[in-house]
Amino acid sequence: MPGPANALLITAAVVLIVVRQFGARRITADRRWWLVPAVLVFLALREPDLLGPDHRIQSAVLLAAELLIGVATGAGWAWTTRIWTEPDGTVWSRTTKAGIAVWIVGIALRAGLFGLGAVLGVHQDSSALFLALAATLLVHSGILVWRSGPATPTDARSSAYGDRVPQPAWKEPV
């Protein structure tokens, strides 16, 4: 894909992901939480110049750093996401202000890597951004599914994960 199309696709994906996280979202373990990251990895790996042809080592180091930032962003985002169980047993999540801060720091670090690559003269393609975004989403979704795993309908009295303070049992009025 040409550069402007990649930039548009990356921007649209980030906007879609961030906007969806501001509202409450139901977490289900049976949904295909790995599908969007898999598509992003496919888009990244089909590009011919994942590593810059002139500076392979520097390009590989920058790609590894990009992936580490993506994994750290996904983990930080997942651990700052609020998860709770409704009385009917459904598990929900919502991004917190701390999660937004994690995204901002992740974007700033990625911009710093891009600047470093430009200073070093390393050609950077959008494939690295696709891979890093895929890593972010995969780690985020995987941790959320893992965190929501213990939820069962019998556990519905807990107000939120990590809280484990049981709510008073409902009593029938006499």
C-alpha atoms as a PDB file:
ATOM      1  CA  MET A   1       0.000   0.000   0.000  1.00  0.00           C
ATOM      2  CA  PRO A   2       1.210   3.526  -0.644  1.00  0.00           C
ATOM      3  CA  GLY A   3       2.322   5.677   2.291  1.00  0.00           C
ATOM      4  CA  PRO A   4      -0.788   7.911   2.479  1.00  0.00           C
ATOM      5  CA  ALA A   5      -3.095   4.879   2.464  1.00  0.00           C
ATOM      6  CA  ASN A   6      -1.062   3.279   5.277  1.00  0.00           C
ATOM      7  CA  ALA A   7      -1.141   6.505   7.282  1.00  0.00           C
ATOM      8  CA  LEU A   8      -4.903   6.753   6.801  1.00  0.00           C
ATOM      9  CA  LEU A   9      -5.386   3.108   7.809  1.00  0.00           C
ATOM     10  CA  ILE A  10      -3.232   3.493  10.938  1.00  0.00           C
ATOM     11  CA  THR A  11      -5.008   6.708  11.949  1.00  0.00           C
ATOM     12  CA  ALA A  12      -8.431   5.141  11.392  1.00  0.00           C
ATOM     13  CA  ALA A  13      -7.478   2.047  13.407  1.00  0.00           C
ATOM     14  CA  VAL A  14      -6.143   4.085  16.334  1.00  0.00           C
ATOM     15  CA  VAL A  15      -9.165   6.409  16.347  1.00  0.00           C
ATOM     16  CA  LEU A  16     -11.572   3.452  16.185  1.00  0.00           C
ATOM     17  CA  ILE A  17      -9.783   1.637  18.986  1.00  0.00           C
ATOM     18  CA  VAL A  18      -9.521   4.652  21.284  1.00  0.00           C
ATOM     19  CA  VAL A  19     -13.110   5.819  20.679  1.00  0.00           C
ATOM     20  CA  ARG A  20     -14.474   2.328  21.350  1.00  0.00           C
ATOM     21  CA  GLN A  21     -12.609   2.194  24.660  1.00  0.00           C
ATOM     22  CA  PHE A  22     -14.233   5.328  26.088  1.00  0.00           C
ATOM     23  CA  GLY A  23     -17.552   3.522  26.348  1.00  0.00           C
ATOM     24  CA  ALA A  24     -18.222   0.429  28.392  1.00  0.00           C
ATOM     25  CA  ARG A  25     -17.549  -2.769  26.452  1.00  0.00           C
ATOM     26  CA  ARG A  26     -18.648  -6.274  27.290  1.00  0.00           C
ATOM     27  CA  ILE A  27     -15.834  -8.814  27.605  1.00  0.00           C
ATOM     28  CA  THR A  28     -16.473 -12.333  26.395  1.00  0.00           C
ATOM     29  CA  ALA A  29     -13.819 -15.021  26.249  1.00  0.00           C
ATOM     30  CA  ASP A  30     -15.395 -16.641  23.204  1.00  0.00           C
ATOM     31  CA  ARG A  31     -15.062 -13.611  20.935  1.00  0.00           C
ATOM     32  CA  ARG A  32     -12.178 -13.423  18.499  1.00  0.00           C
ATOM     33  CA  TRP A  33     -10.049 -10.897  20.370  1.00  0.00           C
ATOM     34  CA  TRP A  34      -6.990 -11.866  18.341  1.00  0.00           C
ATOM     35  CA  LEU A  35      -8.523 -11.217  14.899  1.00  0.00           C
ATOM     36  CA  VAL A  36      -7.735  -7.476  14.489  1.00  0.00           C
ATOM     37  CA  PRO A  37      -4.097  -7.944  15.615  1.00  0.00           C
ATOM     38  CA  ALA A  38      -3.774 -10.847  13.155  1.00  0.00           C
ATOM     39  CA  VAL A  39      -5.003  -8.646  10.295  1.00  0.00           C
ATOM     40  CA  LEU A  40      -2.533  -5.913  11.294  1.00  0.00           C
ATOM     41  CA  VAL A  41       0.334  -8.435  11.375  1.00  0.00           C
ATOM     42  CA  PHE A  42      -0.694  -9.662   7.916  1.00  0.00           C
ATOM     43  CA  LEU A  43      -0.705  -6.087   6.587  1.00  0.00           C
ATOM     44  CA  ALA A  44       2.736  -5.467   8.120  1.00  0.00           C
ATOM     45  CA  LEU A  45       4.386  -8.662   6.894  1.00  0.00           C
ATOM     46  CA  ARG A  46       3.186  -8.323   3.317  1.00  0.00           C
ATOM     47  CA  GLU A  47       5.210  -5.128   2.896  1.00  0.00           C
ATOM     48  CA  PRO A  48       8.613  -5.869   1.309  1.00  0.00           C
ATOM     49  CA  ASP A  49      10.761  -3.443   3.333  1.00  0.00           C
ATOM     50  CA  LEU A  50      10.043  -4.258   6.962  1.00  0.00           C
ATOM     51  CA  LEU A  51      13.718  -3.705   7.681  1.00  0.00           C
ATOM     52  CA  GLY A  52      15.503  -0.845   5.974  1.00  0.00           C
ATOM     53  CA  PRO A  53      17.695  -2.159   3.124  1.00  0.00           C
ATOM     54  CA  ASP A  54      20.676   0.068   3.935  1.00  0.00           C
ATOM     55  CA  HIS A  55      20.726  -0.179   7.738  1.00  0.00           C
ATOM     56  CA  ARG A  56      19.448  -3.642   8.599  1.00  0.00           C
ATOM     57  CA  ILE A  57      20.868  -3.815  12.147  1.00  0.00           C
ATOM     58  CA  GLN A  58      19.722  -0.339  13.162  1.00  0.00           C
ATOM     59  CA  SER A  59      16.342  -0.992  11.562  1.00  0.00           C
ATOM     60  CA  ALA A  60      15.994  -4.291  13.445  1.00  0.00           C
ATOM     61  CA  VAL A  61      16.891  -2.589  16.738  1.00  0.00           C
ATOM     62  CA  LEU A  62      14.314   0.147  16.117  1.00  0.00           C
ATOM     63  CA  LEU A  63      11.702  -2.489  15.194  1.00  0.00           C
ATOM     64  CA  ALA A  64      12.450  -4.445  18.379  1.00  0.00           C
ATOM     65  CA  ALA A  65      12.152  -1.257  20.429  1.00  0.00           C
ATOM     66  CA  GLU A  66       8.868  -0.456  18.662  1.00  0.00           C
ATOM     67  CA  LEU A  67       7.526  -3.917  19.508  1.00  0.00           C
ATOM     68  CA  LEU A  68       8.633  -3.598  23.144  1.00  0.00           C
ATOM     69  CA  ILE A  69       6.875  -0.251  23.393  1.00  0.00           C
ATOM     70  CA  GLY A  70       3.784  -1.827  21.829  1.00  0.00           C
ATOM     71  CA  VAL A  71       3.786  -4.693  24.330  1.00  0.00           C
ATOM     72  CA  ALA A  72       4.367  -2.322  27.259  1.00  0.00           C
ATOM     73  CA  THR A  73       1.601  -0.007  26.060  1.00  0.00           C
ATOM     74  CA  GLY A  74      -0.829  -2.893  25.702  1.00  0.00           C
ATOM     75  CA  ALA A  75       0.013  -4.255  29.157  1.00  0.00           C
ATOM     76  CA  GLY A  76      -0.175  -0.833  30.801  1.00  0.00           C
ATOM     77  CA  TRP A  77      -3.449  -0.104  29.059  1.00  0.00           C
ATOM     78  CA  ALA A  78      -4.931  -3.450  30.121  1.00  0.00           C
ATOM     79  CA  TRP A  79      -3.865  -3.139  33.749  1.00  0.00           C
ATOM     80  CA  THR A  80      -5.290   0.394  33.991  1.00  0.00           C
ATOM     81  CA  THR A  81      -8.610  -0.646  32.433  1.00  0.00           C
ATOM     82  CA  ARG A  82     -11.488  -0.901  34.875  1.00  0.00           C
ATOM     83  CA  ILE A  83     -13.220  -4.280  34.821  1.00  0.00           C
ATOM     84  CA  TRP A  84     -16.443  -5.046  36.672  1.00  0.00           C
ATOM     85  CA  THR A  85     -19.132  -7.688  36.793  1.00  0.00           C
ATOM     86  CA  GLU A  86     -22.807  -6.827  36.477  1.00  0.00           C
ATOM     87  CA  PRO A  87     -25.356  -8.640  38.653  1.00  0.00           C
ATOM     88  CA  ASP A  88     -26.322 -10.826  35.690  1.00  0.00           C
ATOM     89  CA  GLY A  89     -22.726 -12.107  35.503  1.00  0.00           C
ATOM     90  CA  THR A  90     -21.606 -10.203  32.402  1.00  0.00           C
ATOM     91  CA  VAL A  91     -18.126  -8.697  32.561  1.00  0.00           C
ATOM     92  CA  TRP A  92     -17.533  -5.157  31.317  1.00  0.00           C
ATOM     93  CA  SER A  93     -14.501  -2.930  30.836  1.00  0.00           C
ATOM     94  CA  ARG A  94     -13.771   0.740  30.332  1.00  0.00           C
ATOM     95  CA  THR A  95     -10.540   2.639  29.792  1.00  0.00           C
ATOM     96  CA  THR A  96      -9.589   4.936  32.660  1.00  0.00           C
ATOM     97  CA  LYS A  97      -7.712   8.240  32.628  1.00  0.00           C
ATOM     98  CA  ALA A  98      -4.565   6.296  33.499  1.00  0.00           C
ATOM     99  CA  GLY A  99      -5.123   4.178  30.374  1.00  0.00           C
ATOM    100  CA  ILE A 100      -5.314   7.328  28.283  1.00  0.00           C
ATOM    101  CA  ALA A 101      -2.031   8.472  29.844  1.00  0.00           C
ATOM    102  CA  VAL A 102      -0.472   5.113  28.892  1.00  0.00           C
ATOM    103  CA  TRP A 103      -1.563   5.675  25.277  1.00  0.00           C
ATOM    104  CA  ILE A 104      -0.119   9.207  25.249  1.00  0.00           C
ATOM    105  CA  VAL A 105       3.221   7.997  26.645  1.00  0.00           C
ATOM    106  CA  GLY A 106       3.287   5.128  24.130  1.00  0.00           C
ATOM    107  CA  ILE A 107       2.648   7.495  21.221  1.00  0.00           C
ATOM    108  CA  ALA A 108       5.327   9.894  22.496  1.00  0.00           C
ATOM    109  CA  LEU A 109       7.850   7.048  22.758  1.00  0.00           C
ATOM    110  CA  ARG A 110       7.010   5.881  19.238  1.00  0.00           C
ATOM    111  CA  ALA A 111       7.437   9.431  17.921  1.00  0.00           C
ATOM    112  CA  GLY A 112      10.820   9.534  19.676  1.00  0.00           C
ATOM    113  CA  LEU A 113      11.836   6.290  17.969  1.00  0.00           C
ATOM    114  CA  PHE A 114      10.775   7.678  14.613  1.00  0.00           C
ATOM    115  CA  GLY A 115      12.843  10.814  15.277  1.00  0.00           C
ATOM    116  CA  LEU A 116      15.828   8.705  16.304  1.00  0.00           C
ATOM    117  CA  GLY A 117      15.500   6.678  13.113  1.00  0.00           C
ATOM    118  CA  ALA A 118      15.363   9.853  11.045  1.00  0.00           C
ATOM    119  CA  VAL A 119      18.505  11.184  12.741  1.00  0.00           C
ATOM    120  CA  LEU A 120      20.309   7.888  12.095  1.00  0.00           C
ATOM    121  CA  GLY A 121      19.141   7.869   8.477  1.00  0.00           C
ATOM    122  CA  VAL A 122      17.226   4.605   8.903  1.00  0.00           C
ATOM    123  CA  HIS A 123      14.307   4.107   6.528  1.00  0.00           C
ATOM    124  CA  GLN A 124      11.186   3.365   8.551  1.00  0.00           C
ATOM    125  CA  ASP A 125       8.103   1.972   6.948  1.00  0.00           C
ATOM    126  CA  SER A 126       4.565   1.858   8.319  1.00  0.00           C
ATOM    127  CA  SER A 127       4.968  -1.898   8.798  1.00  0.00           C
ATOM    128  CA  ALA A 128       6.652  -1.305  12.146  1.00  0.00           C
ATOM    129  CA  LEU A 129       3.656   0.746  13.279  1.00  0.00           C
ATOM    130  CA  PHE A 130       1.285  -2.027  12.149  1.00  0.00           C
ATOM    131  CA  LEU A 131       3.285  -4.614  14.102  1.00  0.00           C
ATOM    132  CA  ALA A 132       3.486  -2.415  17.213  1.00  0.00           C
ATOM    133  CA  LEU A 133      -0.240  -1.668  17.085  1.00  0.00           C
ATOM    134  CA  ALA A 134      -0.937  -5.379  16.655  1.00  0.00           C
ATOM    135  CA  ALA A 135       1.263  -6.131  19.694  1.00  0.00           C
ATOM    136  CA  THR A 136      -0.532  -3.452  21.716  1.00  0.00           C
ATOM    137  CA  LEU A 137      -3.978  -4.808  20.847  1.00  0.00           C
ATOM    138  CA  LEU A 138      -3.009  -8.451  21.283  1.00  0.00           C
ATOM    139  CA  VAL A 139      -1.485  -7.910  24.725  1.00  0.00           C
ATOM    140  CA  HIS A 140      -4.326  -5.607  25.821  1.00  0.00           C
ATOM    141  CA  SER A 141      -7.074  -7.981  24.713  1.00  0.00           C
ATOM    142  CA  GLY A 142      -5.284 -11.050  26.034  1.00  0.00           C
ATOM    143  CA  ILE A 143      -4.786  -9.536  29.482  1.00  0.00           C
ATOM    144  CA  LEU A 144      -8.403  -8.345  29.622  1.00  0.00           C
ATOM    145  CA  VAL A 145      -9.696 -11.799  28.704  1.00  0.00           C
ATOM    146  CA  TRP A 146      -7.340 -13.319  31.277  1.00  0.00           C
ATOM    147  CA  ARG A 147      -8.395 -10.815  33.971  1.00  0.00           C
ATOM    148  CA  SER A 148     -12.062 -11.444  33.259  1.00  0.00           C
ATOM    149  CA  GLY A 149     -11.618 -15.234  33.198  1.00  0.00           C
ATOM    150  CA  PRO A 150     -12.525 -15.930  36.839  1.00  0.00           C
ATOM    151  CA  ALA A 151     -15.932 -14.334  36.393  1.00  0.00           C
ATOM    152  CA  THR A 152     -18.768 -16.777  36.696  1.00  0.00           C
ATOM    153  CA  PRO A 153     -22.449 -16.173  37.415  1.00  0.00           C
ATOM    154  CA  THR A 154     -21.836 -17.248  41.019  1.00  0.00           C
ATOM    155  CA  ASP A 155     -19.133 -14.578  41.298  1.00  0.00           C
ATOM    156  CA  ALA A 156     -21.549 -11.840  40.204  1.00  0.00           C
ATOM    157  CA  ARG A 157     -21.779 -10.360  43.708  1.00  0.00           C
ATOM    158  CA  SER A 158     -18.255  -8.916  43.498  1.00  0.00           C
ATOM    159  CA  SER A 159     -18.358  -5.237  42.610  1.00  0.00           C
ATOM    160  CA  ALA A 160     -15.108  -5.169  40.601  1.00  0.00           C
ATOM    161  CA  TYR A 161     -12.072  -7.312  40.007  1.00  0.00           C
ATOM    162  CA  GLY A 162      -9.500  -6.856  42.719  1.00  0.00           C
ATOM    163  CA  ASP A 163     -12.116  -5.458  45.076  1.00  0.00           C
ATOM    164  CA  ARG A 164     -13.659  -8.755  46.220  1.00  0.00           C
ATOM    165  CA  VAL A 165     -15.895  -7.010  48.727  1.00  0.00           C
ATOM    166  CA  PRO A 166     -19.175  -8.909  48.570  1.00  0.00           C
ATOM    167  CA  GLN A 167     -22.366  -6.899  48.259  1.00  0.00           C
ATOM    168  CA  PRO A 168     -25.184  -7.597  50.700  1.00  0.00           C
ATOM    169  CA  ALA A 169     -27.534 -10.336  49.550  1.00  0.00           C
ATOM    170  CA  TRP A 170     -30.860  -9.196  48.161  1.00  0.00           C
ATOM    171  CA  LYS A 171     -33.740  -9.930  50.505  1.00  0.00           C
ATOM    172  CA  GLU A 172     -37.344 -10.335  49.556  1.00  0.00           C
ATOM    173  CA  PRO A 173     -39.600  -7.793  51.303  1.00  0.00           C
ATOM    174  CA  VAL A 174     -42.096  -9.439  53.621  1.00  0.00           C
END
